[in-house]
Amino acid sequence: MTKTASDNHPGRLLRAARIEQGLTLRALATRLDMPFSTLSKLENGKMAMTYDKLVRLAQGLGLDLGSLVAGAIPAEKPPAALGRRSVSRAGEWQGATTERYTHLYPAGDLLDKMMVPIIIDVKARSIDDVGGLVRHSGEEYLHVLSGAMELHSDLYAPLPLAKGDSVYFDSGMAHAYVLVGDEPCRVLSVCAGPGMQRFAELASRSADPAADDVSGH
């Protein structure tokens, strides 16, 4: 039987992993400190499965980020020709928005990227507000485009960052972005590492402007 796009929805894989570990939906929701209704919507593909949500769910289930994504959608063959490019016009990015963050995905149409750029509007004002620290495989480059924020992590004191500042760090270090001040803050985050491309594809394909809850950055 040929698999459809819905068969490959990450929520189905997360549900299978949950059942394999003998966890009920409510038990996993308690473990993740996530509303039961939110987790149910994510499993059934009724809520945007953005990159940061996938990170948090994979972390809660003890799943490897890259393996989870590799299982979600078979890897496409690398392009035969060189010279690929993807032009992203202002205001035309795919993305998802909640009260806690906005994620926009430039170059969402380009498959098999070696790095994944994400434009993030930082809105959370505390670690609790952002939903806790998250970690994932690979490395991350962060550049502040406007406003000010702090990079929180489990290894360093909060790092203040203002417009024009940047930091390159190991994404395996648990981290979160927190807004500082009253001015809106927008950053460019570039993630590289195993599985990053697949997560970006899943996030941009399932993006839903009405999505709520659960944020990692």
C-alpha atoms as a PDB file:
ATOM      1  CA  MET A   1       0.000   0.000   0.000  1.00  0.00           C
ATOM      2  CA  THR A   2       1.315   3.423  -0.942  1.00  0.00           C
ATOM      3  CA  LYS A   3       1.777   5.820   1.976  1.00  0.00           C
ATOM      4  CA  THR A   4       0.069   9.176   1.830  1.00  0.00           C
ATOM      5  CA  ALA A   5       1.247  12.445   3.314  1.00  0.00           C
ATOM      6  CA  SER A   6      -1.136  11.890   6.248  1.00  0.00           C
ATOM      7  CA  ASP A   7       0.488   8.509   6.943  1.00  0.00           C
ATOM      8  CA  ASN A   8       3.762  10.350   7.384  1.00  0.00           C
ATOM      9  CA  HIS A   9       2.405  13.014   9.726  1.00  0.00           C
ATOM     10  CA  PRO A  10       4.815  13.265  12.691  1.00  0.00           C
ATOM     11  CA  GLY A  11       1.890  13.017  15.094  1.00  0.00           C
ATOM     12  CA  ARG A  12       1.362   9.399  14.039  1.00  0.00           C
ATOM     13  CA  LEU A  13       4.974   8.544  14.783  1.00  0.00           C
ATOM     14  CA  LEU A  14       4.837  10.272  18.151  1.00  0.00           C
ATOM     15  CA  ARG A  15       1.650   8.380  19.022  1.00  0.00           C
ATOM     16  CA  ALA A  16       3.303   5.075  18.085  1.00  0.00           C
ATOM     17  CA  ALA A  17       6.308   5.917  20.284  1.00  0.00           C
ATOM     18  CA  ARG A  18       4.024   6.861  23.176  1.00  0.00           C
ATOM     19  CA  ILE A  19       2.086   3.606  22.954  1.00  0.00           C
ATOM     20  CA  GLU A  20       5.298   1.595  22.635  1.00  0.00           C
ATOM     21  CA  GLN A  21       6.463   3.118  25.943  1.00  0.00           C
ATOM     22  CA  GLY A  22       3.158   2.243  27.603  1.00  0.00           C
ATOM     23  CA  LEU A  23       2.164   5.883  28.137  1.00  0.00           C
ATOM     24  CA  THR A  24      -1.394   7.140  27.989  1.00  0.00           C
ATOM     25  CA  LEU A  25      -2.062  10.483  26.369  1.00  0.00           C
ATOM     26  CA  ARG A  26      -2.733  12.015  29.794  1.00  0.00           C
ATOM     27  CA  ALA A  27       0.432  10.520  31.270  1.00  0.00           C
ATOM     28  CA  LEU A  28       2.557  12.030  28.489  1.00  0.00           C
ATOM     29  CA  ALA A  29       0.757  15.361  28.811  1.00  0.00           C
ATOM     30  CA  THR A  30       1.620  15.379  32.516  1.00  0.00           C
ATOM     31  CA  ARG A  31       5.261  14.501  31.806  1.00  0.00           C
ATOM     32  CA  LEU A  32       5.539  17.352  29.305  1.00  0.00           C
ATOM     33  CA  ASP A  33       3.464  19.756  31.416  1.00  0.00           C
ATOM     34  CA  MET A  34       1.323  20.211  28.324  1.00  0.00           C
ATOM     35  CA  PRO A  35      -2.478  20.488  28.126  1.00  0.00           C
ATOM     36  CA  PHE A  36      -4.103  17.155  27.255  1.00  0.00           C
ATOM     37  CA  SER A  37      -6.150  18.797  24.502  1.00  0.00           C
ATOM     38  CA  THR A  38      -3.013  20.263  22.912  1.00  0.00           C
ATOM     39  CA  LEU A  39      -1.210  16.919  22.831  1.00  0.00           C
ATOM     40  CA  SER A  40      -4.284  15.226  21.376  1.00  0.00           C
ATOM     41  CA  LYS A  41      -4.478  17.816  18.578  1.00  0.00           C
ATOM     42  CA  LEU A  42      -0.770  17.373  17.817  1.00  0.00           C
ATOM     43  CA  GLU A  43      -1.075  13.595  17.584  1.00  0.00           C
ATOM     44  CA  ASN A  44      -4.070  13.862  15.278  1.00  0.00           C
ATOM     45  CA  GLY A  45      -2.569  16.501  13.009  1.00  0.00           C
ATOM     46  CA  LYS A  46      -5.084  19.165  14.070  1.00  0.00           C
ATOM     47  CA  MET A  47      -2.453  21.630  15.319  1.00  0.00           C
ATOM     48  CA  ALA A  48       0.695  23.003  13.706  1.00  0.00           C
ATOM     49  CA  MET A  49       3.631  20.630  14.341  1.00  0.00           C
ATOM     50  CA  THR A  50       6.297  23.314  14.314  1.00  0.00           C
ATOM     51  CA  TYR A  51       9.981  22.630  14.768  1.00  0.00           C
ATOM     52  CA  ASP A  52      10.057  23.605  18.431  1.00  0.00           C
ATOM     53  CA  LYS A  53       7.031  21.454  19.262  1.00  0.00           C
ATOM     54  CA  LEU A  54       8.684  18.440  17.652  1.00  0.00           C
ATOM     55  CA  VAL A  55      11.825  19.087  19.702  1.00  0.00           C
ATOM     56  CA  ARG A  56       9.880  19.182  22.949  1.00  0.00           C
ATOM     57  CA  LEU A  57       7.836  16.057  22.162  1.00  0.00           C
ATOM     58  CA  ALA A  58      10.889  14.102  21.011  1.00  0.00           C
ATOM     59  CA  GLN A  59      12.712  15.177  24.163  1.00  0.00           C
ATOM     60  CA  GLY A  60       9.814  14.080  26.379  1.00  0.00           C
ATOM     61  CA  LEU A  61       9.661  10.664  24.731  1.00  0.00           C
ATOM     62  CA  GLY A  62      13.437  10.204  24.779  1.00  0.00           C
ATOM     63  CA  LEU A  63      13.594  10.005  20.991  1.00  0.00           C
ATOM     64  CA  ASP A  64      16.551  11.020  18.858  1.00  0.00           C
ATOM     65  CA  LEU A  65      15.632  14.103  16.891  1.00  0.00           C
ATOM     66  CA  GLY A  66      17.285  13.028  13.644  1.00  0.00           C
ATOM     67  CA  SER A  67      15.931   9.481  13.804  1.00  0.00           C
ATOM     68  CA  LEU A  68      12.400  10.708  14.418  1.00  0.00           C
ATOM     69  CA  VAL A  69      12.506  12.983  11.402  1.00  0.00           C
ATOM     70  CA  ALA A  70      14.210  10.411   9.191  1.00  0.00           C
ATOM     71  CA  GLY A  71      11.354   8.058   9.993  1.00  0.00           C
ATOM     72  CA  ALA A  72       8.708  10.668   9.288  1.00  0.00           C
ATOM     73  CA  ILE A  73       9.506  11.276   5.649  1.00  0.00           C
ATOM     74  CA  PRO A  74      11.903   9.226   3.493  1.00  0.00           C
ATOM     75  CA  ALA A  75      14.894  11.251   2.412  1.00  0.00           C
ATOM     76  CA  GLU A  76      14.687  12.593  -1.105  1.00  0.00           C
ATOM     77  CA  LYS A  77      17.604  12.000  -3.420  1.00  0.00           C
ATOM     78  CA  PRO A  78      20.075  14.897  -3.592  1.00  0.00           C
ATOM     79  CA  PRO A  79      19.530  17.158  -6.576  1.00  0.00           C
ATOM     80  CA  ALA A  80      21.451  16.125  -9.653  1.00  0.00           C
ATOM     81  CA  ALA A  81      22.311  19.671 -10.670  1.00  0.00           C
ATOM     82  CA  LEU A  82      24.386  22.295  -8.921  1.00  0.00           C
ATOM     83  CA  GLY A  83      23.477  25.951  -8.611  1.00  0.00           C
ATOM     84  CA  ARG A  84      20.223  25.584  -6.671  1.00  0.00           C
ATOM     85  CA  ARG A  85      18.748  28.669  -5.078  1.00  0.00           C
ATOM     86  CA  SER A  86      15.605  29.768  -3.283  1.00  0.00           C
ATOM     87  CA  VAL A  87      14.463  33.396  -3.157  1.00  0.00           C
ATOM     88  CA  SER A  88      12.252  34.396  -0.211  1.00  0.00           C
ATOM     89  CA  ARG A  89      10.421  37.708  -0.618  1.00  0.00           C
ATOM     90  CA  ALA A  90       9.519  39.752   2.440  1.00  0.00           C
ATOM     91  CA  GLY A  91       6.154  38.753   3.830  1.00  0.00           C
ATOM     92  CA  GLU A  92       5.949  35.540   1.785  1.00  0.00           C
ATOM     93  CA  TRP A  93       7.566  33.119   4.239  1.00  0.00           C
ATOM     94  CA  GLN A  94       5.753  30.049   5.495  1.00  0.00           C
ATOM     95  CA  GLY A  95       5.365  30.003   9.239  1.00  0.00           C
ATOM     96  CA  ALA A  96       3.341  29.589  12.396  1.00  0.00           C
ATOM     97  CA  THR A  97       2.268  32.122  14.999  1.00  0.00           C
ATOM     98  CA  THR A  98       1.125  31.811  18.613  1.00  0.00           C
ATOM     99  CA  GLU A  99       0.938  34.192  21.575  1.00  0.00           C
ATOM    100  CA  ARG A 100       4.444  33.046  22.587  1.00  0.00           C
ATOM    101  CA  TYR A 101       6.338  33.192  19.301  1.00  0.00           C
ATOM    102  CA  THR A 102       6.272  33.546  15.539  1.00  0.00           C
ATOM    103  CA  HIS A 103       8.396  31.216  13.401  1.00  0.00           C
ATOM    104  CA  LEU A 104       8.956  32.003   9.721  1.00  0.00           C
ATOM    105  CA  TYR A 105      10.777  29.637   7.375  1.00  0.00           C
ATOM    106  CA  PRO A 106      12.657  31.203   4.418  1.00  0.00           C
ATOM    107  CA  ALA A 107      13.698  28.794   1.645  1.00  0.00           C
ATOM    108  CA  GLY A 108      10.957  26.405   2.717  1.00  0.00           C
ATOM    109  CA  ASP A 109      10.710  25.056  -0.827  1.00  0.00           C
ATOM    110  CA  LEU A 110      14.369  23.984  -0.965  1.00  0.00           C
ATOM    111  CA  LEU A 111      14.861  20.343   0.029  1.00  0.00           C
ATOM    112  CA  ASP A 112      17.977  18.710   1.491  1.00  0.00           C
ATOM    113  CA  LYS A 113      19.450  21.908   2.840  1.00  0.00           C
ATOM    114  CA  MET A 114      22.621  21.651   4.922  1.00  0.00           C
ATOM    115  CA  MET A 115      21.286  24.361   7.234  1.00  0.00           C
ATOM    116  CA  VAL A 116      17.830  25.640   8.153  1.00  0.00           C
ATOM    117  CA  PRO A 117      17.198  29.406   8.552  1.00  0.00           C
ATOM    118  CA  ILE A 118      14.321  30.482  10.818  1.00  0.00           C
ATOM    119  CA  ILE A 119      13.098  34.031  11.442  1.00  0.00           C
ATOM    120  CA  ILE A 120      11.751  34.196  14.998  1.00  0.00           C
ATOM    121  CA  ASP A 121       9.758  36.929  16.702  1.00  0.00           C
ATOM    122  CA  VAL A 122      10.696  36.457  20.360  1.00  0.00           C
ATOM    123  CA  LYS A 123       7.703  37.094  22.638  1.00  0.00           C
ATOM    124  CA  ALA A 124       8.205  34.953  25.762  1.00  0.00           C
ATOM    125  CA  ARG A 125       9.340  36.928  28.807  1.00  0.00           C
ATOM    126  CA  SER A 126      10.450  34.027  31.019  1.00  0.00           C
ATOM    127  CA  ILE A 127      11.562  30.393  30.862  1.00  0.00           C
ATOM    128  CA  ASP A 128       8.146  29.321  32.140  1.00  0.00           C
ATOM    129  CA  ASP A 129       6.454  31.455  29.508  1.00  0.00           C
ATOM    130  CA  VAL A 130       8.467  29.855  26.733  1.00  0.00           C
ATOM    131  CA  GLY A 131       7.691  26.350  27.976  1.00  0.00           C
ATOM    132  CA  GLY A 132      11.131  25.426  29.350  1.00  0.00           C
ATOM    133  CA  LEU A 133      14.571  24.866  27.883  1.00  0.00           C
ATOM    134  CA  VAL A 134      14.958  22.594  24.844  1.00  0.00           C
ATOM    135  CA  ARG A 135      17.935  20.840  23.294  1.00  0.00           C
ATOM    136  CA  HIS A 136      18.470  19.165  19.925  1.00  0.00           C
ATOM    137  CA  SER A 137      21.351  17.774  17.915  1.00  0.00           C
ATOM    138  CA  GLY A 138      23.563  20.066  15.842  1.00  0.00           C
ATOM    139  CA  GLU A 139      24.698  23.662  16.099  1.00  0.00           C
ATOM    140  CA  GLU A 140      22.917  26.991  15.963  1.00  0.00           C
ATOM    141  CA  TYR A 141      23.755  30.533  14.896  1.00  0.00           C
ATOM    142  CA  LEU A 142      21.652  33.360  16.318  1.00  0.00           C
ATOM    143  CA  HIS A 143      21.713  36.966  15.060  1.00  0.00           C
ATOM    144  CA  VAL A 144      19.492  39.671  16.564  1.00  0.00           C
ATOM    145  CA  LEU A 145      17.840  41.717  13.808  1.00  0.00           C
ATOM    146  CA  SER A 146      15.891  44.098  16.056  1.00  0.00           C
ATOM    147  CA  GLY A 147      15.091  44.617  19.706  1.00  0.00           C
ATOM    148  CA  ALA A 148      16.804  42.807  22.590  1.00  0.00           C
ATOM    149  CA  MET A 149      16.657  39.353  24.156  1.00  0.00           C
ATOM    150  CA  GLU A 150      18.499  36.928  26.416  1.00  0.00           C
ATOM    151  CA  LEU A 151      19.776  33.496  25.486  1.00  0.00           C
ATOM    152  CA  HIS A 152      19.101  31.228  28.467  1.00  0.00           C
ATOM    153  CA  SER A 153      20.852  27.865  28.803  1.00  0.00           C
ATOM    154  CA  ASP A 154      21.624  25.137  31.329  1.00  0.00           C
ATOM    155  CA  LEU A 155      25.382  25.816  31.230  1.00  0.00           C
ATOM    156  CA  TYR A 156      25.742  29.603  31.234  1.00  0.00           C
ATOM    157  CA  ALA A 157      24.217  32.646  32.893  1.00  0.00           C
ATOM    158  CA  PRO A 158      21.598  34.417  30.706  1.00  0.00           C
ATOM    159  CA  LEU A 159      23.345  36.093  27.768  1.00  0.00           C
ATOM    160  CA  PRO A 160      22.026  39.586  26.884  1.00  0.00           C
ATOM    161  CA  LEU A 161      21.863  40.188  23.124  1.00  0.00           C
ATOM    162  CA  ALA A 162      20.883  43.434  21.382  1.00  0.00           C
ATOM    163  CA  LYS A 163      20.419  44.432  17.735  1.00  0.00           C
ATOM    164  CA  GLY A 164      23.461  43.387  15.717  1.00  0.00           C
ATOM    165  CA  ASP A 165      24.746  40.918  18.341  1.00  0.00           C
ATOM    166  CA  SER A 166      25.169  37.260  17.488  1.00  0.00           C
ATOM    167  CA  VAL A 167      26.171  33.965  19.083  1.00  0.00           C
ATOM    168  CA  TYR A 168      27.090  30.539  17.731  1.00  0.00           C
ATOM    169  CA  PHE A 169      26.401  27.649  20.103  1.00  0.00           C
ATOM    170  CA  ASP A 170      25.955  23.913  20.521  1.00  0.00           C
ATOM    171  CA  SER A 171      22.234  23.112  20.209  1.00  0.00           C
ATOM    172  CA  GLY A 172      22.753  20.102  22.473  1.00  0.00           C
ATOM    173  CA  MET A 173      23.004  22.645  25.294  1.00  0.00           C
ATOM    174  CA  ALA A 174      19.458  23.183  26.571  1.00  0.00           C
ATOM    175  CA  HIS A 175      18.427  26.704  25.601  1.00  0.00           C
ATOM    176  CA  ALA A 176      15.597  29.204  25.118  1.00  0.00           C
ATOM    177  CA  TYR A 177      15.076  32.735  23.802  1.00  0.00           C
ATOM    178  CA  VAL A 178      13.567  35.302  26.205  1.00  0.00           C
ATOM    179  CA  LEU A 179      12.402  38.823  25.307  1.00  0.00           C
ATOM    180  CA  VAL A 180      13.938  41.821  27.116  1.00  0.00           C
ATOM    181  CA  GLY A 181      12.344  45.269  27.131  1.00  0.00           C
ATOM    182  CA  ASP A 182       9.205  46.563  25.439  1.00  0.00           C
ATOM    183  CA  GLU A 183      10.500  46.745  21.858  1.00  0.00           C
ATOM    184  CA  PRO A 184       9.608  43.797  19.574  1.00  0.00           C
ATOM    185  CA  CYS A 185      12.539  41.454  19.020  1.00  0.00           C
ATOM    186  CA  ARG A 186      13.192  39.571  15.775  1.00  0.00           C
ATOM    187  CA  VAL A 187      16.111  37.198  15.294  1.00  0.00           C
ATOM    188  CA  LEU A 188      17.610  35.029  12.596  1.00  0.00           C
ATOM    189  CA  SER A 189      18.326  31.511  13.819  1.00  0.00           C
ATOM    190  CA  VAL A 190      20.259  29.139  11.553  1.00  0.00           C
ATOM    191  CA  CYS A 191      20.253  25.484  12.636  1.00  0.00           C
ATOM    192  CA  ALA A 192      22.551  22.815  11.231  1.00  0.00           C
ATOM    193  CA  GLY A 193      22.821  19.144  12.090  1.00  0.00           C
ATOM    194  CA  PRO A 194      21.171  15.729  11.582  1.00  0.00           C
ATOM    195  CA  GLY A 195      17.439  15.961  11.036  1.00  0.00           C
ATOM    196  CA  MET A 196      17.196  19.748  10.914  1.00  0.00           C
ATOM    197  CA  GLN A 197      15.976  19.855   7.308  1.00  0.00           C
ATOM    198  CA  ARG A 198      13.201  17.341   7.925  1.00  0.00           C
ATOM    199  CA  PHE A 199      11.924  19.218  10.943  1.00  0.00           C
ATOM    200  CA  ALA A 200      11.793  22.445   8.963  1.00  0.00           C
ATOM    201  CA  GLU A 201       9.843  20.716   6.173  1.00  0.00           C
ATOM    202  CA  LEU A 202       7.340  19.232   8.611  1.00  0.00           C
ATOM    203  CA  ALA A 203       6.949  22.518  10.437  1.00  0.00           C
ATOM    204  CA  SER A 204       6.408  24.617   7.327  1.00  0.00           C
ATOM    205  CA  ARG A 205       4.022  22.077   5.749  1.00  0.00           C
ATOM    206  CA  SER A 206       1.832  21.860   8.836  1.00  0.00           C
ATOM    207  CA  ALA A 207       2.067  25.544   9.823  1.00  0.00           C
ATOM    208  CA  ASP A 208      -1.237  26.890  11.122  1.00  0.00           C
ATOM    209  CA  PRO A 209      -1.684  30.565  12.047  1.00  0.00           C
ATOM    210  CA  ALA A 210      -4.329  29.503  14.588  1.00  0.00           C
ATOM    211  CA  ALA A 211      -1.992  27.149  16.450  1.00  0.00           C
ATOM    212  CA  ASP A 212      -1.516  27.646  20.170  1.00  0.00           C
ATOM    213  CA  ASP A 213       0.683  26.547  23.066  1.00  0.00           C
ATOM    214  CA  VAL A 214       4.076  24.845  23.364  1.00  0.00           C
ATOM    215  CA  SER A 215       7.164  26.774  22.406  1.00  0.00           C
ATOM    216  CA  GLY A 216      10.833  25.924  22.585  1.00  0.00           C
ATOM    217  CA  HIS A 217      12.488  29.133  21.348  1.00  0.00           C
END
